[in-house]
Protein backbone atom coordinates (compact mmCIF):
# COMPACT_ATOMS: atom_id res chain seq x y z
CA MET A 1 -6.13 152.36 90.56
CA ILE A 2 -5.65 153.08 86.86
CA ALA A 3 -4.62 156.74 87.58
CA ALA A 4 -2.02 155.56 90.19
CA ASN A 5 -0.77 152.98 87.70
CA ASN A 6 -0.41 155.78 85.15
CA ILE A 7 1.56 157.88 87.58
CA VAL A 8 3.94 155.02 88.18
CA ALA A 9 4.30 154.29 84.50
CA THR A 10 5.02 158.08 83.91
CA PHE A 11 7.63 157.99 86.64
CA HIS A 12 9.15 154.86 85.24
CA SER A 13 9.39 156.39 81.77
CA ASN A 14 10.88 159.80 83.08
CA TRP A 15 13.28 158.02 85.49
CA ALA A 16 14.82 156.26 82.44
CA LEU A 17 16.01 159.67 81.35
CA VAL A 18 17.70 160.00 84.71
CA VAL A 19 19.48 156.61 84.13
CA VAL A 20 20.66 157.87 80.62
CA ILE A 21 21.89 161.28 81.77
CA TYR A 22 23.54 160.08 84.91
CA SER A 23 25.23 157.28 83.25
CA VAL A 24 26.54 159.44 80.38
CA PHE A 25 28.03 161.66 83.10
CA MET A 26 29.59 158.52 84.83
CA ALA A 27 30.94 157.36 81.47
CA VAL A 28 32.58 160.67 80.66
CA TRP A 29 34.05 160.94 84.09
CA GLY A 30 35.51 157.48 83.90
CA PHE A 31 37.07 158.08 80.56
CA PHE A 32 38.45 161.45 81.83
CA LEU A 33 40.07 159.66 84.73
CA TYR A 34 41.55 157.06 82.41
CA VAL A 35 42.87 159.50 80.01
CA ARG A 36 44.40 161.62 82.82
CA GLY A 37 46.05 158.44 84.07
CA SER A 38 44.26 158.20 87.33
CA GLN A 39 42.60 155.36 89.06
CA PRO A 40 38.92 155.90 90.13
CA THR A 41 38.63 158.43 92.89
CA GLY A 42 36.59 157.78 96.04
CA GLY A 43 34.10 160.40 94.65
CA TYR A 44 33.75 158.54 91.45
CA LEU A 45 33.28 155.24 93.12
CA GLY A 46 30.57 156.79 95.31
CA ALA A 47 28.92 158.27 92.31
CA LEU A 48 28.92 154.80 90.67
CA ALA A 49 27.07 153.50 93.81
CA ILE A 50 24.47 156.29 93.22
CA ASP A 51 24.17 155.23 89.55
CA PHE A 52 23.55 151.64 90.74
CA GLY A 53 20.89 152.96 93.18
CA VAL A 54 19.27 154.92 90.26
CA ILE A 55 19.07 151.62 88.28
CA VAL A 56 17.66 149.76 91.27
CA ILE A 57 14.93 152.29 91.73
CA GLN A 58 14.03 152.04 88.04
CA GLY A 59 13.88 148.24 88.37
CA LEU A 60 11.77 148.32 91.48
CA VAL A 61 9.30 150.65 89.85
CA GLY A 62 9.29 148.42 86.83
CA VAL A 63 8.46 145.44 89.03
CA ALA A 64 5.59 147.41 90.60
CA LEU A 65 4.22 148.12 87.11
CA VAL A 66 4.27 144.47 86.30
CA ILE A 67 2.55 143.54 89.42
CA GLY A 68 -0.01 146.18 88.68
CA GLY A 69 -0.75 144.72 85.27
CA HIS A 70 1.52 146.85 83.04
CA ARG A 71 3.52 144.96 80.40
CA PRO A 72 6.29 146.49 78.14
CA HIS A 73 5.74 146.57 74.43
CA ASP A 74 8.58 144.10 73.87
CA ASN A 75 9.75 141.38 76.30
CA LEU A 76 13.33 142.30 75.51
CA HIS A 77 12.64 145.11 77.89
CA PHE A 78 12.99 142.72 80.71
CA LEU A 79 16.43 141.56 79.44
CA TYR A 80 17.71 145.25 79.23
CA GLY A 81 16.55 145.88 82.77
CA PHE A 82 18.21 142.66 84.16
CA VAL A 83 21.44 143.21 82.41
CA SER A 84 21.41 146.95 83.50
CA LEU A 85 21.08 145.68 87.09
CA LEU A 86 24.06 143.35 86.76
CA THR A 87 26.34 145.68 84.81
CA LEU A 88 28.03 147.66 87.64
CA PRO A 89 28.44 144.70 89.98
CA ALA A 90 30.00 142.79 87.12
CA ALA A 91 32.33 145.67 86.15
CA TYR A 92 33.36 145.84 89.89
CA SER A 93 33.92 142.09 90.07
CA TYR A 94 36.00 142.20 86.82
CA SER A 95 38.04 145.33 88.08
CA GLU A 96 40.67 145.46 90.66
CA LYS A 97 38.11 147.12 92.98
CA GLY A 98 38.93 150.68 91.78
CA THR A 99 42.72 150.62 92.51
CA THR A 100 44.17 150.87 89.01
CA ARG A 101 43.98 153.25 86.08
CA ARG A 102 42.43 150.40 84.06
CA ASP A 103 39.52 150.41 86.47
CA SER A 104 38.57 153.97 85.34
CA LEU A 105 38.26 152.56 81.87
CA VAL A 106 36.29 149.47 83.02
CA PHE A 107 33.72 151.61 84.86
CA GLY A 108 33.52 154.12 82.11
CA LEU A 109 32.66 151.41 79.62
CA ALA A 110 30.14 149.89 81.94
CA ALA A 111 28.54 153.31 82.35
CA LEU A 112 28.44 153.63 78.59
CA LEU A 113 26.80 150.21 78.38
CA LEU A 114 24.17 151.41 80.82
CA VAL A 115 23.39 154.32 78.49
CA GLY A 116 22.82 151.92 75.62
CA LEU A 117 20.76 149.56 77.68
CA ALA A 118 18.72 152.43 79.08
CA ILE A 119 17.98 153.78 75.56
CA ARG A 120 17.10 150.27 74.28
CA GLY A 121 14.89 149.80 77.39
CA MET A 122 13.11 153.10 76.52
CA MET A 123 12.60 151.85 73.04
CA THR A 124 11.03 148.48 74.01
CA GLY A 125 9.16 149.72 77.09
CA SER A 126 6.32 151.47 75.26
CA GLY A 127 4.58 150.93 72.05
């Protein structure tokens, strides 16, 4: 059981890098669309959905770790995870549903926030 828990913990730790890298890519893409004067493309909106899925996977693995007895170094880790899960839905709710140039900026900023939250989550997750 301990070995399986360590594998899950390693996956959770490594998947955090996926969240960071993918969210950086999404932030840059969103800012590029905004500077270019474009609303989010269908491809960009689909990629944001994938970013949300990446975050959901990270959260589910984290919940599995807690159920298995692992706890983060700092309880702020839970806050960073919870806010990460809410960020893209909140940005979509705030936006005009991807129909305006401003939405490219909103989604780019939301993705940049995810980068910061993931980095802080990595800092508070292990001691």
